[in-house]
Amino acid sequence: MKLKLSEWASIAEIIGAFAVVISLIYVGVQVNGSASAVRAASANDANVAMQNWYLQIGSNQQTSELFYQALISEEALSNEEEFQFLMMFHGAFLAFQNNYLLAEEGTIDAELRDSLTMAISGVRQLPGMKRYWRQRKSYLHSGFAEWVEQIISRDSEVPVDVYRLPEVESKHE
């Protein structure tokens, strides 16, 4: 049985349609795998950014002491020390903001964002945090700033003993 040219064309069209469907399935699988890889890399990057910030603050005694004193001090330190504190704290808040924005777009999950930003709850009542927030919140994404405002206004107590003010400790003893 000999096929006409139009019949061969129809067979080729059917084969081509199957090839397109198979190609689209393959591309879908690849895109899904790429999206998972991007989410994993973003989660890792978010963790590493915060880890690096903590290591930079915590591994240098002078920096640690300055940051701690500025955080618990009712009054601003010298202009130079206060500037250094604000820049250190702003570095952390830029990382927090990045985590917030990545969670908003679904690149990292909200639970990871919340765990990485839990430190805000721990320092929200400290004088240095209040000074920082008053001076720098307008430098941040408005959605992130509103989210931080919600964290700051919560009544919950997050135990972060390392930041306790000396007079607070003596009241509890």
C-alpha atoms as a PDB file:
ATOM      1  CA  MET A   1       0.000   0.000   0.000  1.00  0.00           C
ATOM      2  CA  LYS A   2       1.430   3.237  -1.144  1.00  0.00           C
ATOM      3  CA  LEU A   3       0.788   6.392   0.854  1.00  0.00           C
ATOM      4  CA  LYS A   4       0.117   9.675  -0.801  1.00  0.00           C
ATOM      5  CA  LEU A   5       2.232  12.699  -0.034  1.00  0.00           C
ATOM      6  CA  SER A   6      -0.608  14.284   1.981  1.00  0.00           C
ATOM      7  CA  GLU A   7      -0.853  11.142   4.125  1.00  0.00           C
ATOM      8  CA  TRP A   8       2.885  11.236   4.777  1.00  0.00           C
ATOM      9  CA  ALA A   9       2.508  14.890   5.749  1.00  0.00           C
ATOM     10  CA  SER A  10      -0.261  14.008   8.217  1.00  0.00           C
ATOM     11  CA  ILE A  11       1.885  11.275   9.783  1.00  0.00           C
ATOM     12  CA  ALA A  12       4.801  13.708  10.070  1.00  0.00           C
ATOM     13  CA  GLU A  13       2.489  16.254  11.729  1.00  0.00           C
ATOM     14  CA  ILE A  14       1.378  13.689  14.326  1.00  0.00           C
ATOM     15  CA  ILE A  15       4.975  12.674  15.050  1.00  0.00           C
ATOM     16  CA  GLY A  16       5.935  16.369  15.296  1.00  0.00           C
ATOM     17  CA  ALA A  17       3.090  17.029  17.746  1.00  0.00           C
ATOM     18  CA  PHE A  18       4.261  14.136  19.961  1.00  0.00           C
ATOM     19  CA  ALA A  19       7.819  15.480  19.807  1.00  0.00           C
ATOM     20  CA  VAL A  20       6.615  18.944  20.891  1.00  0.00           C
ATOM     21  CA  VAL A  21       4.649  17.472  23.821  1.00  0.00           C
ATOM     22  CA  ILE A  22       7.637  15.386  24.929  1.00  0.00           C
ATOM     23  CA  SER A  23       9.907  18.447  24.629  1.00  0.00           C
ATOM     24  CA  LEU A  24       7.526  20.535  26.726  1.00  0.00           C
ATOM     25  CA  ILE A  25       7.384  17.848  29.413  1.00  0.00           C
ATOM     26  CA  TYR A  26      11.180  17.699  29.443  1.00  0.00           C
ATOM     27  CA  VAL A  27      11.470  21.495  29.695  1.00  0.00           C
ATOM     28  CA  GLY A  28       8.893  21.524  32.518  1.00  0.00           C
ATOM     29  CA  VAL A  29      10.906  18.965  34.475  1.00  0.00           C
ATOM     30  CA  GLN A  30      14.104  20.964  33.904  1.00  0.00           C
ATOM     31  CA  VAL A  31      12.485  24.249  34.976  1.00  0.00           C
ATOM     32  CA  ASN A  32      11.074  22.639  38.106  1.00  0.00           C
ATOM     33  CA  GLY A  33      14.510  21.273  38.951  1.00  0.00           C
ATOM     34  CA  SER A  34      16.069  24.672  38.334  1.00  0.00           C
ATOM     35  CA  ALA A  35      13.508  26.382  40.562  1.00  0.00           C
ATOM     36  CA  SER A  36      14.278  23.930  43.364  1.00  0.00           C
ATOM     37  CA  ALA A  37      17.986  24.555  42.921  1.00  0.00           C
ATOM     38  CA  VAL A  38      17.432  28.329  43.051  1.00  0.00           C
ATOM     39  CA  ARG A  39      15.358  28.015  46.235  1.00  0.00           C
ATOM     40  CA  ALA A  40      18.004  25.835  47.863  1.00  0.00           C
ATOM     41  CA  ALA A  41      20.800  28.216  46.864  1.00  0.00           C
ATOM     42  CA  SER A  42      18.798  31.205  48.128  1.00  0.00           C
ATOM     43  CA  ALA A  43      18.151  29.517  51.473  1.00  0.00           C
ATOM     44  CA  ASN A  44      21.840  28.725  51.775  1.00  0.00           C
ATOM     45  CA  ASP A  45      22.825  32.282  50.831  1.00  0.00           C
ATOM     46  CA  ALA A  46      20.421  33.710  53.415  1.00  0.00           C
ATOM     47  CA  ASN A  47      21.926  31.505  56.125  1.00  0.00           C
ATOM     48  CA  VAL A  48      25.489  32.300  55.080  1.00  0.00           C
ATOM     49  CA  ALA A  49      24.832  36.059  55.037  1.00  0.00           C
ATOM     50  CA  MET A  50      23.561  35.984  58.610  1.00  0.00           C
ATOM     51  CA  GLN A  51      26.291  33.597  59.704  1.00  0.00           C
ATOM     52  CA  ASN A  52      28.950  35.936  58.297  1.00  0.00           C
ATOM     53  CA  TRP A  53      27.432  38.942  60.032  1.00  0.00           C
ATOM     54  CA  TYR A  54      27.367  37.132  63.384  1.00  0.00           C
ATOM     55  CA  LEU A  55      30.928  35.906  62.906  1.00  0.00           C
ATOM     56  CA  GLN A  56      32.174  39.391  62.050  1.00  0.00           C
ATOM     57  CA  ILE A  57      30.540  40.898  65.122  1.00  0.00           C
ATOM     58  CA  GLY A  58      31.335  38.027  67.461  1.00  0.00           C
ATOM     59  CA  SER A  59      34.901  37.211  66.504  1.00  0.00           C
ATOM     60  CA  ASN A  60      36.380  40.630  67.200  1.00  0.00           C
ATOM     61  CA  GLN A  61      36.354  41.667  70.852  1.00  0.00           C
ATOM     62  CA  GLN A  62      36.468  45.404  70.176  1.00  0.00           C
ATOM     63  CA  THR A  63      33.615  45.176  67.653  1.00  0.00           C
ATOM     64  CA  SER A  64      31.586  42.950  69.964  1.00  0.00           C
ATOM     65  CA  GLU A  65      32.039  45.297  72.904  1.00  0.00           C
ATOM     66  CA  LEU A  66      31.140  48.345  70.841  1.00  0.00           C
ATOM     67  CA  PHE A  67      28.046  46.705  69.387  1.00  0.00           C
ATOM     68  CA  TYR A  68      26.894  45.430  72.780  1.00  0.00           C
ATOM     69  CA  GLN A  69      27.474  48.765  74.531  1.00  0.00           C
ATOM     70  CA  ALA A  70      25.656  50.667  71.794  1.00  0.00           C
ATOM     71  CA  LEU A  71      22.777  48.209  71.911  1.00  0.00           C
ATOM     72  CA  ILE A  72      22.185  48.470  75.661  1.00  0.00           C
ATOM     73  CA  SER A  73      23.160  52.120  76.152  1.00  0.00           C
ATOM     74  CA  GLU A  74      20.363  54.614  76.805  1.00  0.00           C
ATOM     75  CA  GLU A  75      22.502  57.372  75.306  1.00  0.00           C
ATOM     76  CA  ALA A  76      24.254  57.376  71.970  1.00  0.00           C
ATOM     77  CA  LEU A  77      27.980  56.698  72.135  1.00  0.00           C
ATOM     78  CA  SER A  78      30.554  59.031  70.591  1.00  0.00           C
ATOM     79  CA  ASN A  79      29.721  60.082  67.033  1.00  0.00           C
ATOM     80  CA  GLU A  80      32.275  57.682  65.580  1.00  0.00           C
ATOM     81  CA  GLU A  81      31.158  54.733  67.719  1.00  0.00           C
ATOM     82  CA  GLU A  82      27.478  55.414  67.089  1.00  0.00           C
ATOM     83  CA  PHE A  83      28.160  55.588  63.345  1.00  0.00           C
ATOM     84  CA  GLN A  84      30.006  52.273  63.487  1.00  0.00           C
ATOM     85  CA  PHE A  85      27.143  50.703  65.448  1.00  0.00           C
ATOM     86  CA  LEU A  86      24.531  51.976  63.001  1.00  0.00           C
ATOM     87  CA  MET A  87      26.492  50.628  60.038  1.00  0.00           C
ATOM     88  CA  MET A  88      26.952  47.214  61.691  1.00  0.00           C
ATOM     89  CA  PHE A  89      23.273  47.009  62.597  1.00  0.00           C
ATOM     90  CA  HIS A  90      22.197  48.231  59.178  1.00  0.00           C
ATOM     91  CA  GLY A  91      24.243  45.419  57.622  1.00  0.00           C
ATOM     92  CA  ALA A  92      22.176  42.918  59.593  1.00  0.00           C
ATOM     93  CA  PHE A  93      18.941  44.660  58.669  1.00  0.00           C
ATOM     94  CA  LEU A  94      19.828  44.594  54.979  1.00  0.00           C
ATOM     95  CA  ALA A  95      20.238  40.822  55.309  1.00  0.00           C
ATOM     96  CA  PHE A  96      16.923  40.614  57.212  1.00  0.00           C
ATOM     97  CA  GLN A  97      15.279  42.685  54.473  1.00  0.00           C
ATOM     98  CA  ASN A  98      16.682  40.407  51.786  1.00  0.00           C
ATOM     99  CA  ASN A  99      15.225  37.399  53.609  1.00  0.00           C
ATOM    100  CA  TYR A 100      11.872  39.161  53.898  1.00  0.00           C
ATOM    101  CA  LEU A 101      11.788  39.968  50.172  1.00  0.00           C
ATOM    102  CA  LEU A 102      12.860  36.444  49.185  1.00  0.00           C
ATOM    103  CA  ALA A 103      10.073  35.018  51.355  1.00  0.00           C
ATOM    104  CA  GLU A 104       7.547  37.429  49.857  1.00  0.00           C
ATOM    105  CA  GLU A 105       8.344  36.190  46.359  1.00  0.00           C
ATOM    106  CA  GLY A 106       8.407  32.565  47.507  1.00  0.00           C
ATOM    107  CA  THR A 107      12.112  31.944  46.935  1.00  0.00           C
ATOM    108  CA  ILE A 108      12.683  31.015  50.579  1.00  0.00           C
ATOM    109  CA  ASP A 109       9.977  29.889  52.930  1.00  0.00           C
ATOM    110  CA  ALA A 110       8.530  32.136  55.627  1.00  0.00           C
ATOM    111  CA  GLU A 111       9.668  29.812  58.415  1.00  0.00           C
ATOM    112  CA  LEU A 112      13.307  30.263  57.393  1.00  0.00           C
ATOM    113  CA  ARG A 113      12.808  34.040  57.170  1.00  0.00           C
ATOM    114  CA  ASP A 114      11.253  34.068  60.632  1.00  0.00           C
ATOM    115  CA  SER A 115      14.028  31.992  62.172  1.00  0.00           C
ATOM    116  CA  LEU A 116      16.708  34.219  60.636  1.00  0.00           C
ATOM    117  CA  THR A 117      15.014  37.392  61.848  1.00  0.00           C
ATOM    118  CA  MET A 118      14.116  36.179  65.358  1.00  0.00           C
ATOM    119  CA  ALA A 119      16.939  38.370  66.666  1.00  0.00           C
ATOM    120  CA  ILE A 120      14.758  41.429  66.005  1.00  0.00           C
ATOM    121  CA  SER A 121      12.320  40.169  68.650  1.00  0.00           C
ATOM    122  CA  GLY A 122      15.155  39.654  71.077  1.00  0.00           C
ATOM    123  CA  VAL A 123      16.457  43.221  70.830  1.00  0.00           C
ATOM    124  CA  ARG A 124      13.274  45.128  70.012  1.00  0.00           C
ATOM    125  CA  GLN A 125      13.068  46.813  73.439  1.00  0.00           C
ATOM    126  CA  LEU A 126      16.748  47.713  73.752  1.00  0.00           C
ATOM    127  CA  PRO A 127      17.724  51.383  73.522  1.00  0.00           C
ATOM    128  CA  GLY A 128      20.215  50.835  70.687  1.00  0.00           C
ATOM    129  CA  MET A 129      17.589  49.063  68.605  1.00  0.00           C
ATOM    130  CA  LYS A 130      15.179  51.941  69.173  1.00  0.00           C
ATOM    131  CA  ARG A 131      17.834  54.494  68.130  1.00  0.00           C
ATOM    132  CA  TYR A 132      18.757  52.455  65.073  1.00  0.00           C
ATOM    133  CA  TRP A 133      15.133  51.970  64.024  1.00  0.00           C
ATOM    134  CA  ARG A 134      14.229  55.626  64.478  1.00  0.00           C
ATOM    135  CA  GLN A 135      17.179  56.719  62.330  1.00  0.00           C
ATOM    136  CA  ARG A 136      17.334  54.047  59.633  1.00  0.00           C
ATOM    137  CA  LYS A 137      13.881  52.524  59.019  1.00  0.00           C
ATOM    138  CA  SER A 138      13.197  54.933  56.161  1.00  0.00           C
ATOM    139  CA  TYR A 139      16.233  53.509  54.340  1.00  0.00           C
ATOM    140  CA  LEU A 140      14.500  50.130  54.048  1.00  0.00           C
ATOM    141  CA  HIS A 141      11.775  48.692  51.808  1.00  0.00           C
ATOM    142  CA  SER A 142       8.403  49.922  53.079  1.00  0.00           C
ATOM    143  CA  GLY A 143       6.868  46.436  53.245  1.00  0.00           C
ATOM    144  CA  PHE A 144       9.819  45.185  55.265  1.00  0.00           C
ATOM    145  CA  ALA A 145       9.653  48.223  57.569  1.00  0.00           C
ATOM    146  CA  GLU A 146       5.962  47.548  58.247  1.00  0.00           C
ATOM    147  CA  TRP A 147       6.748  43.894  58.963  1.00  0.00           C
ATOM    148  CA  VAL A 148       9.469  44.920  61.460  1.00  0.00           C
ATOM    149  CA  GLU A 149       7.041  47.374  63.074  1.00  0.00           C
ATOM    150  CA  GLN A 150       4.717  44.430  63.711  1.00  0.00           C
ATOM    151  CA  ILE A 151       7.553  42.465  65.321  1.00  0.00           C
ATOM    152  CA  ILE A 152       8.511  45.447  67.482  1.00  0.00           C
ATOM    153  CA  SER A 153       4.953  46.007  68.655  1.00  0.00           C
ATOM    154  CA  ARG A 154       4.336  42.399  69.762  1.00  0.00           C
ATOM    155  CA  ASP A 155       3.911  41.767  73.465  1.00  0.00           C
ATOM    156  CA  SER A 156       5.681  38.422  73.420  1.00  0.00           C
ATOM    157  CA  GLU A 157       8.822  37.940  75.466  1.00  0.00           C
ATOM    158  CA  VAL A 158      11.671  36.339  73.566  1.00  0.00           C
ATOM    159  CA  PRO A 159      14.352  35.179  75.995  1.00  0.00           C
ATOM    160  CA  VAL A 160      17.704  36.501  74.814  1.00  0.00           C
ATOM    161  CA  ASP A 161      19.710  36.542  78.014  1.00  0.00           C
ATOM    162  CA  VAL A 162      22.868  37.863  76.384  1.00  0.00           C
ATOM    163  CA  TYR A 163      21.171  41.223  75.735  1.00  0.00           C
ATOM    164  CA  ARG A 164      19.671  41.641  79.193  1.00  0.00           C
ATOM    165  CA  LEU A 165      20.482  44.949  80.740  1.00  0.00           C
ATOM    166  CA  PRO A 166      22.455  44.694  83.999  1.00  0.00           C
ATOM    167  CA  GLU A 167      19.686  46.363  86.030  1.00  0.00           C
ATOM    168  CA  VAL A 168      17.119  43.920  84.611  1.00  0.00           C
ATOM    169  CA  GLU A 169      19.244  40.991  85.787  1.00  0.00           C
ATOM    170  CA  SER A 170      19.531  42.379  89.286  1.00  0.00           C
ATOM    171  CA  LYS A 171      15.731  42.766  89.545  1.00  0.00           C
ATOM    172  CA  HIS A 172      15.267  39.068  88.727  1.00  0.00           C
ATOM    173  CA  GLU A 173      17.880  37.767  91.161  1.00  0.00           C
END
